[in-house]
Amino acid sequence: MLNRFAPLVPLALVTLLFGCAAHSPVSQQEPQHQVSNSVTAQSSSVLFQEELATDKELADFAGGKSYQLPVLADSILERGMSLIGTRYRFGGTSEAGFDCSGFIGYLFREEAGMNLPRSTREMINVDAPLVARSALKPGDLLFFATNGRRGRVSHAGIYLGDNQFIHSSSRKSGGVRIDSLGDSYWSKTFIEAKRALAMAPAAAPIVTARK
Protein backbone atom coordinates (compact mmCIF):
# COMPACT_ATOMS: atom_id res chain seq x y z
CA MET A 1 0.00 0.00 0.00
CA LEU A 2 2.90 2.31 0.76
CA ASN A 3 4.68 1.46 -2.49
CA ARG A 4 3.50 4.67 -4.04
CA PHE A 5 5.84 6.58 -1.72
CA ALA A 6 8.92 4.84 -3.10
CA PRO A 7 9.33 7.05 -6.21
CA LEU A 8 9.22 10.15 -3.98
CA VAL A 9 11.98 9.02 -1.67
CA PRO A 10 14.95 10.04 -3.80
CA LEU A 11 13.30 13.47 -4.32
CA ALA A 12 12.27 14.51 -1.70
CA LEU A 13 9.46 12.28 19.23
CA VAL A 14 11.19 16.66 32.06
CA THR A 15 8.89 17.74 28.62
CA LEU A 16 9.73 20.00 25.73
CA LEU A 17 13.38 20.23 26.68
CA PHE A 18 13.93 16.60 25.73
CA GLY A 19 11.91 16.46 22.53
CA CYS A 20 15.10 15.85 20.55
CA ALA A 21 18.75 16.29 21.28
CA ALA A 22 19.99 19.84 21.24
CA HIS A 23 22.49 18.76 18.62
CA SER A 24 20.12 17.16 16.14
CA PRO A 25 21.44 14.89 13.41
CA VAL A 26 22.15 16.45 10.06
CA SER A 27 22.70 13.51 7.76
CA GLN A 28 25.11 10.73 7.06
CA GLN A 29 27.78 13.40 6.61
CA GLU A 30 28.05 13.93 10.39
CA PRO A 31 31.64 13.95 11.70
CA GLN A 32 33.03 10.48 11.98
CA HIS A 33 34.06 10.89 15.63
CA GLN A 34 30.39 11.20 16.54
CA VAL A 35 29.52 8.07 14.63
CA SER A 36 32.24 6.02 16.24
CA ASN A 37 30.94 6.86 19.71
CA SER A 38 27.36 5.90 18.91
CA VAL A 39 25.53 2.71 19.70
CA THR A 40 25.27 0.11 16.98
CA ALA A 41 22.11 -1.65 15.94
CA GLN A 42 23.39 -4.95 17.27
CA SER A 43 23.67 -3.65 20.83
CA SER A 44 20.09 -2.45 21.20
CA SER A 45 18.64 -5.60 22.72
CA VAL A 46 21.38 -5.63 25.37
CA LEU A 47 20.97 -1.96 26.24
CA PHE A 48 17.23 -2.05 26.67
CA GLN A 49 16.83 -5.64 27.88
CA GLU A 50 13.83 -6.28 25.65
CA GLU A 51 13.04 -9.19 23.36
CA LEU A 52 11.96 -8.78 19.78
CA ALA A 53 8.32 -9.61 19.22
CA THR A 54 7.43 -12.65 17.13
CA ASP A 55 4.84 -12.45 14.34
CA LYS A 56 2.29 -14.15 16.62
CA GLU A 57 3.04 -11.76 19.50
CA LEU A 58 2.63 -8.79 17.18
CA ALA A 59 -0.73 -10.13 16.01
CA ASP A 60 -1.87 -10.88 19.58
CA PHE A 61 -0.83 -7.42 20.78
CA ALA A 62 -2.79 -5.72 18.02
CA GLY A 63 -5.82 -7.95 18.67
CA GLY A 64 -8.39 -7.48 15.93
CA LYS A 65 -6.84 -4.25 14.72
CA SER A 66 -4.15 -5.74 12.50
CA TYR A 67 -6.17 -5.09 9.39
CA GLN A 68 -6.22 -1.38 10.22
CA LEU A 69 -2.49 -0.90 10.61
CA PRO A 70 -1.59 -0.46 6.92
CA VAL A 71 -4.43 2.05 6.54
CA LEU A 72 -3.25 4.04 9.54
CA ALA A 73 0.35 3.93 8.38
CA ASP A 74 -0.70 5.06 4.92
CA SER A 75 -2.57 8.02 6.36
CA ILE A 76 0.26 9.02 8.71
CA LEU A 77 2.92 8.83 6.05
CA GLU A 78 0.88 10.61 3.42
CA ARG A 79 0.41 13.51 5.85
CA GLY A 80 4.11 13.38 6.75
CA MET A 81 5.16 13.52 3.11
CA SER A 82 3.03 16.62 2.62
CA LEU A 83 5.09 18.32 5.37
CA ILE A 84 8.52 17.74 3.84
CA GLY A 85 10.47 20.95 4.10
CA THR A 86 8.69 22.17 7.26
CA ARG A 87 11.33 23.87 9.37
CA TYR A 88 12.92 22.30 12.43
CA ARG A 89 12.00 24.07 15.67
CA PHE A 90 13.20 22.83 19.05
CA GLY A 91 10.08 22.07 21.10
CA GLY A 92 7.88 22.50 18.02
CA THR A 93 4.67 20.48 17.74
CA SER A 94 2.81 22.19 14.90
CA GLU A 95 3.16 22.94 11.22
CA ALA A 96 4.93 26.16 12.20
CA GLY A 97 7.90 23.91 13.03
CA PHE A 98 8.65 20.52 14.60
CA ASP A 99 11.37 18.81 16.54
CA CYS A 100 11.66 15.06 15.98
CA SER A 101 9.21 13.86 18.64
CA GLY A 102 6.90 16.78 18.00
CA PHE A 103 6.62 15.73 14.36
CA ILE A 104 5.85 12.11 15.25
CA GLY A 105 3.36 13.09 17.95
CA TYR A 106 1.56 15.45 15.59
CA LEU A 107 1.12 12.83 12.87
CA PHE A 108 -0.01 10.05 15.21
CA ARG A 109 -2.46 12.35 16.97
CA GLU A 110 -3.94 13.85 13.82
CA GLU A 111 -4.10 10.70 11.70
CA ALA A 112 -4.47 7.82 14.18
CA GLY A 113 -6.06 9.46 17.24
CA MET A 114 -3.06 8.49 19.37
CA ASN A 115 -1.40 10.61 22.05
CA LEU A 116 2.22 9.53 22.24
CA PRO A 117 4.62 10.73 24.95
CA ARG A 118 6.14 14.10 24.17
CA SER A 119 9.84 13.25 24.47
CA THR A 120 11.96 10.63 22.73
CA ARG A 121 13.08 9.32 26.14
CA GLU A 122 9.46 8.57 27.04
CA MET A 123 8.41 7.56 23.55
CA ILE A 124 10.98 4.77 23.36
CA ASN A 125 9.41 3.24 26.48
CA VAL A 126 5.85 2.98 25.17
CA ASP A 127 4.21 -0.40 25.66
CA ALA A 128 4.47 -1.42 22.03
CA PRO A 129 6.08 -4.43 20.34
CA LEU A 130 9.82 -4.17 19.70
CA VAL A 131 10.43 -4.94 16.04
CA ALA A 132 13.55 -6.37 14.41
CA ARG A 133 15.19 -4.13 11.86
CA SER A 134 14.68 -6.85 9.27
CA ALA A 135 10.91 -6.89 9.98
CA LEU A 136 10.17 -3.16 9.81
CA LYS A 137 6.88 -2.02 8.34
CA PRO A 138 5.70 1.46 7.31
CA GLY A 139 4.61 3.44 10.35
CA ASP A 140 7.08 1.82 12.80
CA LEU A 141 8.95 4.23 15.07
CA LEU A 142 12.73 4.32 14.78
CA PHE A 143 14.98 5.48 17.63
CA PHE A 144 18.56 6.72 17.41
CA ALA A 145 21.44 7.74 19.69
CA THR A 146 22.84 10.74 17.81
CA ASN A 147 24.52 12.76 20.54
CA GLY A 148 27.52 10.51 21.10
CA ARG A 149 26.23 9.13 24.41
CA ARG A 150 26.12 5.37 24.11
CA GLY A 151 22.59 3.99 24.15
CA ARG A 152 20.90 7.26 25.15
CA VAL A 153 18.03 7.94 22.78
CA SER A 154 18.09 11.44 21.30
CA HIS A 155 16.28 11.24 17.97
CA ALA A 156 13.34 9.44 16.34
CA GLY A 157 11.66 9.02 12.98
CA ILE A 158 8.97 7.01 11.20
CA TYR A 159 9.76 4.17 8.84
CA LEU A 160 8.50 4.67 5.30
CA GLY A 161 9.49 1.41 3.64
CA ASP A 162 12.34 0.45 1.32
CA ASN A 163 14.85 1.27 4.08
CA GLN A 164 13.75 4.93 4.13
CA PHE A 165 12.37 6.99 7.02
CA ILE A 166 10.88 10.44 7.50
CA HIS A 167 11.80 12.73 10.38
CA SER A 168 12.33 16.32 11.47
CA SER A 169 16.08 16.29 11.38
CA SER A 170 17.68 19.64 12.26
CA ARG A 171 17.78 23.29 11.29
CA LYS A 172 20.95 22.76 9.29
CA SER A 173 19.52 19.89 7.24
CA GLY A 174 16.20 21.53 6.40
CA GLY A 175 13.71 20.18 8.94
CA VAL A 176 11.29 17.48 7.79
CA ARG A 177 13.03 15.25 5.29
CA ILE A 178 13.59 11.67 4.18
CA ASP A 179 16.79 9.74 4.85
CA SER A 180 18.00 6.19 4.35
CA LEU A 181 18.38 3.83 7.30
CA GLY A 182 21.13 2.21 5.26
CA ASP A 183 23.32 5.31 5.36
CA SER A 184 26.36 4.85 7.58
CA TYR A 185 25.40 7.55 10.09
CA TRP A 186 21.83 6.35 10.63
CA SER A 187 22.76 2.68 10.58
CA LYS A 188 25.40 3.13 13.31
CA THR A 189 23.25 5.34 15.53
CA PHE A 190 20.09 3.20 15.24
CA ILE A 191 18.96 1.77 18.60
CA GLU A 192 15.63 0.01 18.07
CA ALA A 193 12.19 0.15 16.47
CA LYS A 194 8.69 -0.17 17.93
CA ARG A 195 5.31 -0.81 16.31
CA ALA A 196 3.39 1.95 18.10
CA LEU A 197 0.46 1.60 15.72
CA ALA A 198 -0.35 -1.71 17.44
CA MET A 199 -1.63 0.48 20.31
CA ALA A 200 -4.03 2.38 18.05
CA PRO A 201 -7.69 2.65 19.09
CA ALA A 202 -9.99 0.00 17.64
CA ALA A 203 -12.09 2.69 15.97
CA ALA A 204 -11.67 3.48 12.30
CA PRO A 205 -8.84 5.85 11.41
CA ILE A 206 -9.54 9.54 11.93
CA VAL A 207 -9.93 11.45 8.71
CA THR A 208 -8.80 15.04 8.90
CA ALA A 209 -9.42 17.78 6.42
CA ARG A 210 -6.46 18.90 4.33
CA LYS A 211 -5.97 22.53 3.57
C-alpha atoms as a PDB file:
ATOM      1  CA  MET A   1       0.000   0.000   0.000  1.00  0.00           C
ATOM      2  CA  LEU A   2       2.897   2.305   0.763  1.00  0.00           C
ATOM      3  CA  ASN A   3       4.681   1.463  -2.488  1.00  0.00           C
ATOM      4  CA  ARG A   4       3.500   4.670  -4.039  1.00  0.00           C
ATOM      5  CA  PHE A   5       5.837   6.580  -1.723  1.00  0.00           C
ATOM      6  CA  ALA A   6       8.920   4.837  -3.103  1.00  0.00           C
ATOM      7  CA  PRO A   7       9.329   7.045  -6.205  1.00  0.00           C
ATOM      8  CA  LEU A   8       9.221  10.154  -3.982  1.00  0.00           C
ATOM      9  CA  VAL A   9      11.983   9.016  -1.673  1.00  0.00           C
ATOM     10  CA  PRO A  10      14.949  10.041  -3.798  1.00  0.00           C
ATOM     11  CA  LEU A  11      13.296  13.466  -4.322  1.00  0.00           C
ATOM     12  CA  ALA A  12      12.273  14.513  -1.699  1.00  0.00           C
ATOM     13  CA  LEU A  13       9.464  12.276  19.226  1.00  0.00           C
ATOM     14  CA  VAL A  14      11.187  16.660  32.060  1.00  0.00           C
ATOM     15  CA  THR A  15       8.894  17.736  28.615  1.00  0.00           C
ATOM     16  CA  LEU A  16       9.726  19.996  25.734  1.00  0.00           C
ATOM     17  CA  LEU A  17      13.381  20.235  26.682  1.00  0.00           C
ATOM     18  CA  PHE A  18      13.927  16.605  25.732  1.00  0.00           C
ATOM     19  CA  GLY A  19      11.912  16.456  22.532  1.00  0.00           C
ATOM     20  CA  CYS A  20      15.097  15.845  20.554  1.00  0.00           C
ATOM     21  CA  ALA A  21      18.753  16.287  21.275  1.00  0.00           C
ATOM     22  CA  ALA A  22      19.992  19.842  21.243  1.00  0.00           C
ATOM     23  CA  HIS A  23      22.486  18.755  18.615  1.00  0.00           C
ATOM     24  CA  SER A  24      20.120  17.156  16.137  1.00  0.00           C
ATOM     25  CA  PRO A  25      21.439  14.887  13.407  1.00  0.00           C
ATOM     26  CA  VAL A  26      22.154  16.450  10.062  1.00  0.00           C
ATOM     27  CA  SER A  27      22.702  13.506   7.762  1.00  0.00           C
ATOM     28  CA  GLN A  28      25.113  10.729   7.057  1.00  0.00           C
ATOM     29  CA  GLN A  29      27.780  13.402   6.610  1.00  0.00           C
ATOM     30  CA  GLU A  30      28.050  13.926  10.390  1.00  0.00           C
ATOM     31  CA  PRO A  31      31.642  13.948  11.699  1.00  0.00           C
ATOM     32  CA  GLN A  32      33.034  10.476  11.976  1.00  0.00           C
ATOM     33  CA  HIS A  33      34.063  10.893  15.627  1.00  0.00           C
ATOM     34  CA  GLN A  34      30.386  11.198  16.543  1.00  0.00           C
ATOM     35  CA  VAL A  35      29.517   8.068  14.631  1.00  0.00           C
ATOM     36  CA  SER A  36      32.244   6.021  16.244  1.00  0.00           C
ATOM     37  CA  ASN A  37      30.941   6.857  19.713  1.00  0.00           C
ATOM     38  CA  SER A  38      27.365   5.898  18.906  1.00  0.00           C
ATOM     39  CA  VAL A  39      25.529   2.713  19.698  1.00  0.00           C
ATOM     40  CA  THR A  40      25.267   0.108  16.983  1.00  0.00           C
ATOM     41  CA  ALA A  41      22.111  -1.648  15.944  1.00  0.00           C
ATOM     42  CA  GLN A  42      23.386  -4.955  17.266  1.00  0.00           C
ATOM     43  CA  SER A  43      23.669  -3.651  20.834  1.00  0.00           C
ATOM     44  CA  SER A  44      20.090  -2.447  21.199  1.00  0.00           C
ATOM     45  CA  SER A  45      18.637  -5.596  22.719  1.00  0.00           C
ATOM     46  CA  VAL A  46      21.378  -5.626  25.367  1.00  0.00           C
ATOM     47  CA  LEU A  47      20.973  -1.960  26.239  1.00  0.00           C
ATOM     48  CA  PHE A  48      17.230  -2.054  26.669  1.00  0.00           C
ATOM     49  CA  GLN A  49      16.826  -5.635  27.880  1.00  0.00           C
ATOM     50  CA  GLU A  50      13.826  -6.280  25.649  1.00  0.00           C
ATOM     51  CA  GLU A  51      13.041  -9.190  23.358  1.00  0.00           C
ATOM     52  CA  LEU A  52      11.959  -8.781  19.778  1.00  0.00           C
ATOM     53  CA  ALA A  53       8.323  -9.611  19.217  1.00  0.00           C
ATOM     54  CA  THR A  54       7.431 -12.647  17.125  1.00  0.00           C
ATOM     55  CA  ASP A  55       4.839 -12.452  14.342  1.00  0.00           C
ATOM     56  CA  LYS A  56       2.293 -14.147  16.623  1.00  0.00           C
ATOM     57  CA  GLU A  57       3.036 -11.758  19.502  1.00  0.00           C
ATOM     58  CA  LEU A  58       2.628  -8.787  17.176  1.00  0.00           C
ATOM     59  CA  ALA A  59      -0.731 -10.126  16.014  1.00  0.00           C
ATOM     60  CA  ASP A  60      -1.866 -10.879  19.583  1.00  0.00           C
ATOM     61  CA  PHE A  61      -0.826  -7.420  20.777  1.00  0.00           C
ATOM     62  CA  ALA A  62      -2.792  -5.724  18.017  1.00  0.00           C
ATOM     63  CA  GLY A  63      -5.816  -7.953  18.668  1.00  0.00           C
ATOM     64  CA  GLY A  64      -8.392  -7.481  15.933  1.00  0.00           C
ATOM     65  CA  LYS A  65      -6.840  -4.248  14.724  1.00  0.00           C
ATOM     66  CA  SER A  66      -4.146  -5.741  12.501  1.00  0.00           C
ATOM     67  CA  TYR A  67      -6.174  -5.090   9.387  1.00  0.00           C
ATOM     68  CA  GLN A  68      -6.216  -1.377  10.216  1.00  0.00           C
ATOM     69  CA  LEU A  69      -2.493  -0.905  10.607  1.00  0.00           C
ATOM     70  CA  PRO A  70      -1.590  -0.458   6.919  1.00  0.00           C
ATOM     71  CA  VAL A  71      -4.425   2.048   6.539  1.00  0.00           C
ATOM     72  CA  LEU A  72      -3.253   4.037   9.543  1.00  0.00           C
ATOM     73  CA  ALA A  73       0.354   3.935   8.375  1.00  0.00           C
ATOM     74  CA  ASP A  74      -0.698   5.060   4.917  1.00  0.00           C
ATOM     75  CA  SER A  75      -2.572   8.023   6.361  1.00  0.00           C
ATOM     76  CA  ILE A  76       0.259   9.021   8.710  1.00  0.00           C
ATOM     77  CA  LEU A  77       2.918   8.835   6.048  1.00  0.00           C
ATOM     78  CA  GLU A  78       0.876  10.608   3.418  1.00  0.00           C
ATOM     79  CA  ARG A  79       0.414  13.511   5.848  1.00  0.00           C
ATOM     80  CA  GLY A  80       4.106  13.381   6.749  1.00  0.00           C
ATOM     81  CA  MET A  81       5.157  13.521   3.112  1.00  0.00           C
ATOM     82  CA  SER A  82       3.028  16.622   2.623  1.00  0.00           C
ATOM     83  CA  LEU A  83       5.087  18.315   5.373  1.00  0.00           C
ATOM     84  CA  ILE A  84       8.517  17.735   3.838  1.00  0.00           C
ATOM     85  CA  GLY A  85      10.474  20.954   4.096  1.00  0.00           C
ATOM     86  CA  THR A  86       8.689  22.169   7.255  1.00  0.00           C
ATOM     87  CA  ARG A  87      11.327  23.869   9.368  1.00  0.00           C
ATOM     88  CA  TYR A  88      12.916  22.302  12.432  1.00  0.00           C
ATOM     89  CA  ARG A  89      12.005  24.073  15.674  1.00  0.00           C
ATOM     90  CA  PHE A  90      13.199  22.832  19.052  1.00  0.00           C
ATOM     91  CA  GLY A  91      10.079  22.070  21.097  1.00  0.00           C
ATOM     92  CA  GLY A  92       7.879  22.496  18.016  1.00  0.00           C
ATOM     93  CA  THR A  93       4.671  20.484  17.744  1.00  0.00           C
ATOM     94  CA  SER A  94       2.814  22.195  14.901  1.00  0.00           C
ATOM     95  CA  GLU A  95       3.163  22.942  11.225  1.00  0.00           C
ATOM     96  CA  ALA A  96       4.928  26.164  12.196  1.00  0.00           C
ATOM     97  CA  GLY A  97       7.901  23.907  13.030  1.00  0.00           C
ATOM     98  CA  PHE A  98       8.653  20.521  14.596  1.00  0.00           C
ATOM     99  CA  ASP A  99      11.367  18.809  16.544  1.00  0.00           C
ATOM    100  CA  CYS A 100      11.664  15.060  15.977  1.00  0.00           C
ATOM    101  CA  SER A 101       9.213  13.858  18.645  1.00  0.00           C
ATOM    102  CA  GLY A 102       6.898  16.783  17.995  1.00  0.00           C
ATOM    103  CA  PHE A 103       6.622  15.732  14.359  1.00  0.00           C
ATOM    104  CA  ILE A 104       5.846  12.115  15.251  1.00  0.00           C
ATOM    105  CA  GLY A 105       3.356  13.090  17.948  1.00  0.00           C
ATOM    106  CA  TYR A 106       1.562  15.452  15.592  1.00  0.00           C
ATOM    107  CA  LEU A 107       1.122  12.826  12.865  1.00  0.00           C
ATOM    108  CA  PHE A 108      -0.015  10.048  15.206  1.00  0.00           C
ATOM    109  CA  ARG A 109      -2.460  12.354  16.967  1.00  0.00           C
ATOM    110  CA  GLU A 110      -3.945  13.845  13.822  1.00  0.00           C
ATOM    111  CA  GLU A 111      -4.101  10.696  11.698  1.00  0.00           C
ATOM    112  CA  ALA A 112      -4.472   7.823  14.184  1.00  0.00           C
ATOM    113  CA  GLY A 113      -6.060   9.459  17.238  1.00  0.00           C
ATOM    114  CA  MET A 114      -3.065   8.485  19.375  1.00  0.00           C
ATOM    115  CA  ASN A 115      -1.403  10.609  22.046  1.00  0.00           C
ATOM    116  CA  LEU A 116       2.218   9.527  22.241  1.00  0.00           C
ATOM    117  CA  PRO A 117       4.622  10.733  24.950  1.00  0.00           C
ATOM    118  CA  ARG A 118       6.141  14.102  24.170  1.00  0.00           C
ATOM    119  CA  SER A 119       9.843  13.253  24.471  1.00  0.00           C
ATOM    120  CA  THR A 120      11.958  10.628  22.733  1.00  0.00           C
ATOM    121  CA  ARG A 121      13.080   9.319  26.144  1.00  0.00           C
ATOM    122  CA  GLU A 122       9.459   8.574  27.044  1.00  0.00           C
ATOM    123  CA  MET A 123       8.414   7.557  23.548  1.00  0.00           C
ATOM    124  CA  ILE A 124      10.985   4.770  23.359  1.00  0.00           C
ATOM    125  CA  ASN A 125       9.410   3.244  26.483  1.00  0.00           C
ATOM    126  CA  VAL A 126       5.849   2.983  25.174  1.00  0.00           C
ATOM    127  CA  ASP A 127       4.207  -0.405  25.659  1.00  0.00           C
ATOM    128  CA  ALA A 128       4.465  -1.424  22.031  1.00  0.00           C
ATOM    129  CA  PRO A 129       6.081  -4.430  20.342  1.00  0.00           C
ATOM    130  CA  LEU A 130       9.819  -4.174  19.699  1.00  0.00           C
ATOM    131  CA  VAL A 131      10.431  -4.937  16.039  1.00  0.00           C
ATOM    132  CA  ALA A 132      13.545  -6.366  14.409  1.00  0.00           C
ATOM    133  CA  ARG A 133      15.188  -4.128  11.861  1.00  0.00           C
ATOM    134  CA  SER A 134      14.680  -6.845   9.273  1.00  0.00           C
ATOM    135  CA  ALA A 135      10.911  -6.894   9.985  1.00  0.00           C
ATOM    136  CA  LEU A 136      10.171  -3.165   9.810  1.00  0.00           C
ATOM    137  CA  LYS A 137       6.878  -2.017   8.336  1.00  0.00           C
ATOM    138  CA  PRO A 138       5.701   1.460   7.305  1.00  0.00           C
ATOM    139  CA  GLY A 139       4.609   3.436  10.349  1.00  0.00           C
ATOM    140  CA  ASP A 140       7.076   1.822  12.797  1.00  0.00           C
ATOM    141  CA  LEU A 141       8.948   4.227  15.072  1.00  0.00           C
ATOM    142  CA  LEU A 142      12.734   4.318  14.784  1.00  0.00           C
ATOM    143  CA  PHE A 143      14.980   5.483  17.632  1.00  0.00           C
ATOM    144  CA  PHE A 144      18.558   6.724  17.414  1.00  0.00           C
ATOM    145  CA  ALA A 145      21.444   7.743  19.690  1.00  0.00           C
ATOM    146  CA  THR A 146      22.839  10.741  17.810  1.00  0.00           C
ATOM    147  CA  ASN A 147      24.518  12.759  20.539  1.00  0.00           C
ATOM    148  CA  GLY A 148      27.524  10.507  21.095  1.00  0.00           C
ATOM    149  CA  ARG A 149      26.228   9.128  24.413  1.00  0.00           C
ATOM    150  CA  ARG A 150      26.120   5.372  24.109  1.00  0.00           C
ATOM    151  CA  GLY A 151      22.594   3.987  24.154  1.00  0.00           C
ATOM    152  CA  ARG A 152      20.898   7.256  25.153  1.00  0.00           C
ATOM    153  CA  VAL A 153      18.030   7.941  22.778  1.00  0.00           C
ATOM    154  CA  SER A 154      18.090  11.437  21.303  1.00  0.00           C
ATOM    155  CA  HIS A 155      16.279  11.243  17.974  1.00  0.00           C
ATOM    156  CA  ALA A 156      13.340   9.443  16.343  1.00  0.00           C
ATOM    157  CA  GLY A 157      11.662   9.021  12.980  1.00  0.00           C
ATOM    158  CA  ILE A 158       8.967   7.012  11.202  1.00  0.00           C
ATOM    159  CA  TYR A 159       9.759   4.168   8.843  1.00  0.00           C
ATOM    160  CA  LEU A 160       8.496   4.671   5.297  1.00  0.00           C
ATOM    161  CA  GLY A 161       9.489   1.414   3.641  1.00  0.00           C
ATOM    162  CA  ASP A 162      12.343   0.451   1.317  1.00  0.00           C
ATOM    163  CA  ASN A 163      14.850   1.273   4.084  1.00  0.00           C
ATOM    164  CA  GLN A 164      13.748   4.928   4.128  1.00  0.00           C
ATOM    165  CA  PHE A 165      12.374   6.987   7.020  1.00  0.00           C
ATOM    166  CA  ILE A 166      10.880  10.435   7.501  1.00  0.00           C
ATOM    167  CA  HIS A 167      11.797  12.730  10.382  1.00  0.00           C
ATOM    168  CA  SER A 168      12.327  16.319  11.475  1.00  0.00           C
ATOM    169  CA  SER A 169      16.078  16.291  11.381  1.00  0.00           C
ATOM    170  CA  SER A 170      17.678  19.640  12.265  1.00  0.00           C
ATOM    171  CA  ARG A 171      17.775  23.294  11.291  1.00  0.00           C
ATOM    172  CA  LYS A 172      20.946  22.762   9.290  1.00  0.00           C
ATOM    173  CA  SER A 173      19.524  19.886   7.241  1.00  0.00           C
ATOM    174  CA  GLY A 174      16.204  21.531   6.404  1.00  0.00           C
ATOM    175  CA  GLY A 175      13.708  20.177   8.937  1.00  0.00           C
ATOM    176  CA  VAL A 176      11.289  17.480   7.792  1.00  0.00           C
ATOM    177  CA  ARG A 177      13.032  15.252   5.294  1.00  0.00           C
ATOM    178  CA  ILE A 178      13.592  11.668   4.181  1.00  0.00           C
ATOM    179  CA  ASP A 179      16.785   9.737   4.853  1.00  0.00           C
ATOM    180  CA  SER A 180      17.999   6.186   4.348  1.00  0.00           C
ATOM    181  CA  LEU A 181      18.377   3.826   7.299  1.00  0.00           C
ATOM    182  CA  GLY A 182      21.128   2.213   5.262  1.00  0.00           C
ATOM    183  CA  ASP A 183      23.321   5.306   5.362  1.00  0.00           C
ATOM    184  CA  SER A 184      26.356   4.853   7.577  1.00  0.00           C
ATOM    185  CA  TYR A 185      25.400   7.553  10.094  1.00  0.00           C
ATOM    186  CA  TRP A 186      21.835   6.346  10.632  1.00  0.00           C
ATOM    187  CA  SER A 187      22.764   2.677  10.580  1.00  0.00           C
ATOM    188  CA  LYS A 188      25.396   3.131  13.307  1.00  0.00           C
ATOM    189  CA  THR A 189      23.250   5.341  15.532  1.00  0.00           C
ATOM    190  CA  PHE A 190      20.095   3.197  15.241  1.00  0.00           C
ATOM    191  CA  ILE A 191      18.961   1.771  18.602  1.00  0.00           C
ATOM    192  CA  GLU A 192      15.630   0.012  18.070  1.00  0.00           C
ATOM    193  CA  ALA A 193      12.186   0.151  16.473  1.00  0.00           C
ATOM    194  CA  LYS A 194       8.687  -0.169  17.933  1.00  0.00           C
ATOM    195  CA  ARG A 195       5.313  -0.810  16.313  1.00  0.00           C
ATOM    196  CA  ALA A 196       3.393   1.946  18.103  1.00  0.00           C
ATOM    197  CA  LEU A 197       0.455   1.598  15.724  1.00  0.00           C
ATOM    198  CA  ALA A 198      -0.350  -1.705  17.442  1.00  0.00           C
ATOM    199  CA  MET A 199      -1.626   0.482  20.309  1.00  0.00           C
ATOM    200  CA  ALA A 200      -4.032   2.380  18.047  1.00  0.00           C
ATOM    201  CA  PRO A 201      -7.688   2.645  19.086  1.00  0.00           C
ATOM    202  CA  ALA A 202      -9.994   0.000  17.640  1.00  0.00           C
ATOM    203  CA  ALA A 203     -12.086   2.686  15.971  1.00  0.00           C
ATOM    204  CA  ALA A 204     -11.674   3.484  12.305  1.00  0.00           C
ATOM    205  CA  PRO A 205      -8.844   5.853  11.407  1.00  0.00           C
ATOM    206  CA  ILE A 206      -9.543   9.538  11.930  1.00  0.00           C
ATOM    207  CA  VAL A 207      -9.926  11.451   8.706  1.00  0.00           C
ATOM    208  CA  THR A 208      -8.802  15.039   8.896  1.00  0.00           C
ATOM    209  CA  ALA A 209      -9.424  17.780   6.420  1.00  0.00           C
ATOM    210  CA  ARG A 210      -6.462  18.902   4.335  1.00  0.00           C
ATOM    211  CA  LYS A 211      -5.969  22.535   3.570  1.00  0.00           C
END
